[in-house]
């Protein structure tokens, strides 16, 4: 079973070996049809502490590492402009 890879932006890197990644998706409203932006935030494990705030990263689902952390950073797709 291949795990799903999501692309998102790092919004917090204040923890050791962990980052918070915001995933943004567009959804049409069921009744009115207007397109909405929905944001989900995931805590992800970053073993080498390579991801910084503003970076675009790829994350995949993994085993539970803590109460809220079930995702792992696989690679940094793009560097942020800071």
N, C-alpha and C. Protein backbone atom coordinates (compact mmCIF):
# COMPACT_ATOMS: atom_id res chain seq x y z
N UNK A 1 0.84 -1.18 0.00
CA UNK A 1 0.00 0.00 0.00
C UNK A 1 0.89 1.25 0.00
N UNK A 2 0.74 2.07 -1.02
CA UNK A 2 1.53 3.29 -1.13
C UNK A 2 0.88 4.39 -0.29
N UNK A 3 1.69 5.05 0.53
CA UNK A 3 1.15 6.12 1.36
C UNK A 3 1.05 7.40 0.54
N UNK A 4 0.10 8.23 0.91
CA UNK A 4 -0.17 9.47 0.20
C UNK A 4 0.87 10.52 0.57
N UNK A 5 1.38 11.23 -0.45
CA UNK A 5 2.34 12.30 -0.22
C UNK A 5 1.62 13.64 -0.38
N UNK A 6 1.77 14.52 0.62
CA UNK A 6 1.16 15.84 0.57
C UNK A 6 2.25 16.90 0.51
N UNK A 7 1.96 18.00 -0.18
CA UNK A 7 2.89 19.12 -0.30
C UNK A 7 2.30 20.29 0.50
N UNK A 8 3.12 20.89 1.38
CA UNK A 8 2.64 22.00 2.19
C UNK A 8 3.76 22.94 2.58
N UNK A 9 3.41 23.97 3.31
CA UNK A 9 4.35 25.01 3.73
C UNK A 9 4.57 24.91 5.24
N UNK A 10 5.82 25.00 5.66
CA UNK A 10 6.16 24.95 7.08
C UNK A 10 5.75 26.28 7.73
N UNK A 11 4.93 26.20 8.79
CA UNK A 11 4.48 27.41 9.48
C UNK A 11 5.13 27.54 10.85
N UNK A 12 5.74 26.46 11.38
CA UNK A 12 6.42 26.53 12.67
C UNK A 12 7.54 25.51 12.70
N UNK A 13 8.73 25.94 13.18
CA UNK A 13 9.86 25.02 13.34
C UNK A 13 10.51 25.21 14.71
N UNK A 14 9.72 25.62 15.70
CA UNK A 14 10.26 25.93 17.02
C UNK A 14 10.57 24.70 17.86
N UNK A 15 10.12 23.52 17.43
CA UNK A 15 10.36 22.30 18.19
C UNK A 15 11.59 21.58 17.67
N UNK A 16 12.13 20.68 18.48
CA UNK A 16 13.25 19.87 18.04
C UNK A 16 12.72 18.68 17.27
N UNK A 17 13.24 18.48 16.06
CA UNK A 17 12.89 17.36 15.18
C UNK A 17 11.42 17.32 14.80
N UNK A 18 10.73 18.46 14.87
CA UNK A 18 9.32 18.53 14.49
C UNK A 18 9.03 19.85 13.80
N UNK A 19 8.09 19.82 12.86
CA UNK A 19 7.62 21.03 12.19
C UNK A 19 6.10 20.95 12.07
N UNK A 20 5.46 22.11 11.93
CA UNK A 20 4.03 22.16 11.64
C UNK A 20 3.89 22.56 10.18
N UNK A 21 3.16 21.74 9.41
CA UNK A 21 3.00 21.96 7.98
C UNK A 21 1.55 22.28 7.68
N UNK A 22 1.31 23.36 6.94
CA UNK A 22 -0.04 23.77 6.54
C UNK A 22 -0.29 23.28 5.11
N UNK A 23 -1.36 22.50 4.95
CA UNK A 23 -1.76 22.00 3.64
C UNK A 23 -3.01 22.77 3.23
N UNK A 24 -2.95 23.41 2.06
CA UNK A 24 -4.09 24.19 1.59
C UNK A 24 -4.74 23.49 0.42
N UNK A 25 -6.09 23.42 0.45
CA UNK A 25 -6.82 22.80 -0.65
C UNK A 25 -8.04 23.65 -0.97
N UNK A 26 -8.50 23.53 -2.21
CA UNK A 26 -9.66 24.30 -2.65
C UNK A 26 -10.85 23.36 -2.80
N UNK A 27 -11.99 23.78 -2.22
CA UNK A 27 -13.20 22.97 -2.22
C UNK A 27 -14.37 23.85 -2.66
N UNK A 28 -15.23 23.31 -3.50
CA UNK A 28 -16.44 24.05 -3.89
C UNK A 28 -17.50 23.86 -2.84
N UNK A 29 -18.19 24.95 -2.48
CA UNK A 29 -19.29 24.87 -1.52
C UNK A 29 -20.43 24.06 -2.14
N UNK A 30 -21.02 23.16 -1.35
CA UNK A 30 -22.02 22.22 -1.87
C UNK A 30 -23.27 22.93 -2.40
N UNK A 31 -23.73 23.96 -1.71
CA UNK A 31 -24.97 24.62 -2.11
C UNK A 31 -24.72 25.82 -3.03
N UNK A 32 -23.77 26.68 -2.66
CA UNK A 32 -23.58 27.94 -3.38
C UNK A 32 -22.55 27.87 -4.49
N UNK A 33 -21.70 26.86 -4.51
CA UNK A 33 -20.76 26.67 -5.60
C UNK A 33 -19.52 27.53 -5.54
N UNK A 34 -19.40 28.38 -4.52
CA UNK A 34 -18.22 29.23 -4.41
C UNK A 34 -17.01 28.39 -4.00
N UNK A 35 -15.86 28.67 -4.57
CA UNK A 35 -14.63 27.96 -4.23
C UNK A 35 -14.07 28.53 -2.94
N UNK A 36 -13.77 27.64 -1.98
CA UNK A 36 -13.22 28.05 -0.69
C UNK A 36 -11.82 27.46 -0.52
N UNK A 37 -10.96 28.17 0.20
CA UNK A 37 -9.65 27.64 0.57
C UNK A 37 -9.74 27.07 1.97
N UNK A 38 -9.42 25.80 2.13
CA UNK A 38 -9.41 25.16 3.43
C UNK A 38 -7.98 24.79 3.78
N UNK A 39 -7.56 25.08 5.00
CA UNK A 39 -6.20 24.81 5.45
C UNK A 39 -6.23 23.80 6.58
N UNK A 40 -5.40 22.76 6.45
CA UNK A 40 -5.23 21.77 7.51
C UNK A 40 -3.78 21.83 7.98
N UNK A 41 -3.57 21.76 9.29
CA UNK A 41 -2.21 21.81 9.83
C UNK A 41 -1.86 20.45 10.42
N UNK A 42 -0.68 19.95 10.04
CA UNK A 42 -0.19 18.66 10.51
C UNK A 42 1.16 18.84 11.18
N UNK A 43 1.39 18.12 12.28
CA UNK A 43 2.72 18.06 12.87
C UNK A 43 3.47 16.94 12.18
N UNK A 44 4.70 17.21 11.79
CA UNK A 44 5.49 16.22 11.05
C UNK A 44 6.87 16.08 11.67
N UNK A 45 7.42 14.87 11.60
CA UNK A 45 8.74 14.58 12.14
C UNK A 45 9.81 14.98 11.13
N UNK A 46 10.79 15.76 11.59
CA UNK A 46 11.90 16.23 10.74
C UNK A 46 13.19 15.85 11.44
N UNK A 47 13.71 14.68 11.15
CA UNK A 47 14.84 14.11 11.89
C UNK A 47 16.09 14.99 11.85
N UNK A 48 16.42 15.58 10.69
CA UNK A 48 17.65 16.37 10.57
C UNK A 48 17.45 17.86 10.80
N UNK A 49 16.25 18.29 11.14
CA UNK A 49 15.94 19.71 11.33
C UNK A 49 16.33 20.56 10.12
N UNK A 50 16.01 20.07 8.91
CA UNK A 50 16.38 20.79 7.70
C UNK A 50 15.30 21.79 7.26
N UNK A 51 14.05 21.55 7.61
CA UNK A 51 12.95 22.41 7.17
C UNK A 51 12.85 23.64 8.06
N UNK A 52 12.73 24.80 7.44
CA UNK A 52 12.58 26.06 8.15
C UNK A 52 11.24 26.70 7.78
N UNK A 53 10.84 27.72 8.53
CA UNK A 53 9.57 28.40 8.27
C UNK A 53 9.58 28.98 6.85
N UNK A 54 8.50 28.74 6.12
CA UNK A 54 8.39 29.23 4.75
C UNK A 54 8.78 28.22 3.69
N UNK A 55 9.48 27.16 4.08
CA UNK A 55 9.88 26.13 3.11
C UNK A 55 8.68 25.30 2.68
N UNK A 56 8.70 24.86 1.44
CA UNK A 56 7.71 23.93 0.94
C UNK A 56 8.27 22.53 1.09
N UNK A 57 7.52 21.65 1.76
CA UNK A 57 8.01 20.30 2.04
C UNK A 57 6.98 19.26 1.60
N UNK A 58 7.47 18.04 1.41
CA UNK A 58 6.61 16.89 1.13
C UNK A 58 6.57 16.03 2.38
N UNK A 59 5.35 15.60 2.78
CA UNK A 59 5.20 14.76 3.96
C UNK A 59 4.41 13.51 3.59
N UNK A 60 4.72 12.41 4.29
CA UNK A 60 3.98 11.17 4.11
C UNK A 60 3.54 10.67 5.47
N UNK A 61 2.46 9.90 5.48
CA UNK A 61 1.94 9.37 6.72
C UNK A 61 2.83 8.23 7.21
N UNK A 62 3.04 8.21 8.52
CA UNK A 62 3.88 7.17 9.12
C UNK A 62 3.24 6.65 10.39
N UNK A 63 4.03 5.92 11.16
CA UNK A 63 3.51 5.38 12.42
C UNK A 63 3.38 6.52 13.43
N UNK A 64 2.53 6.36 14.45
CA UNK A 64 2.40 7.40 15.47
C UNK A 64 3.71 7.60 16.23
N UNK A 65 4.22 8.84 16.22
CA UNK A 65 5.46 9.16 16.92
C UNK A 65 5.18 9.88 18.23
N UNK A 66 4.02 10.50 18.35
CA UNK A 66 3.58 11.14 19.59
C UNK A 66 2.07 11.29 19.50
N UNK A 67 1.48 12.03 20.44
CA UNK A 67 0.03 12.16 20.46
C UNK A 67 -0.52 12.82 19.19
N UNK A 68 0.18 13.83 18.68
CA UNK A 68 -0.31 14.56 17.49
C UNK A 68 0.52 14.32 16.24
N UNK A 69 1.65 13.65 16.37
CA UNK A 69 2.60 13.55 15.25
C UNK A 69 2.50 12.19 14.57
N UNK A 70 1.93 12.19 13.34
CA UNK A 70 1.78 10.96 12.56
C UNK A 70 2.29 11.11 11.13
N UNK A 71 2.99 12.20 10.84
CA UNK A 71 3.52 12.46 9.50
C UNK A 71 5.03 12.63 9.57
N UNK A 72 5.71 12.35 8.46
CA UNK A 72 7.17 12.44 8.39
C UNK A 72 7.55 13.27 7.17
N UNK A 73 8.48 14.21 7.36
CA UNK A 73 8.98 15.02 6.25
C UNK A 73 9.92 14.15 5.41
N UNK A 74 9.62 14.03 4.10
CA UNK A 74 10.47 13.23 3.22
C UNK A 74 11.51 14.07 2.50
N UNK A 75 11.13 15.28 2.06
CA UNK A 75 12.07 16.12 1.33
C UNK A 75 11.61 17.57 1.36
N UNK A 76 12.56 18.46 1.17
CA UNK A 76 12.25 19.89 1.05
C UNK A 76 12.11 20.18 -0.44
N UNK A 77 10.91 20.59 -0.85
CA UNK A 77 10.64 20.83 -2.26
C UNK A 77 11.20 22.18 -2.70
N UNK A 78 11.00 23.20 -1.85
CA UNK A 78 11.50 24.54 -2.18
C UNK A 78 11.81 25.33 -0.94
N UNK A 79 12.80 26.20 -1.04
CA UNK A 79 13.19 27.04 0.10
C UNK A 79 12.31 28.28 0.15
N UNK A 80 12.02 28.74 1.38
CA UNK A 80 11.22 29.94 1.58
C UNK A 80 12.05 31.19 1.33
N UNK A 81 11.37 32.31 1.18
CA UNK A 81 12.06 33.58 0.91
C UNK A 81 12.22 34.37 2.19
N UNK A 82 13.22 34.01 2.99
CA UNK A 82 13.49 34.74 4.23
C UNK A 82 14.97 35.03 4.31
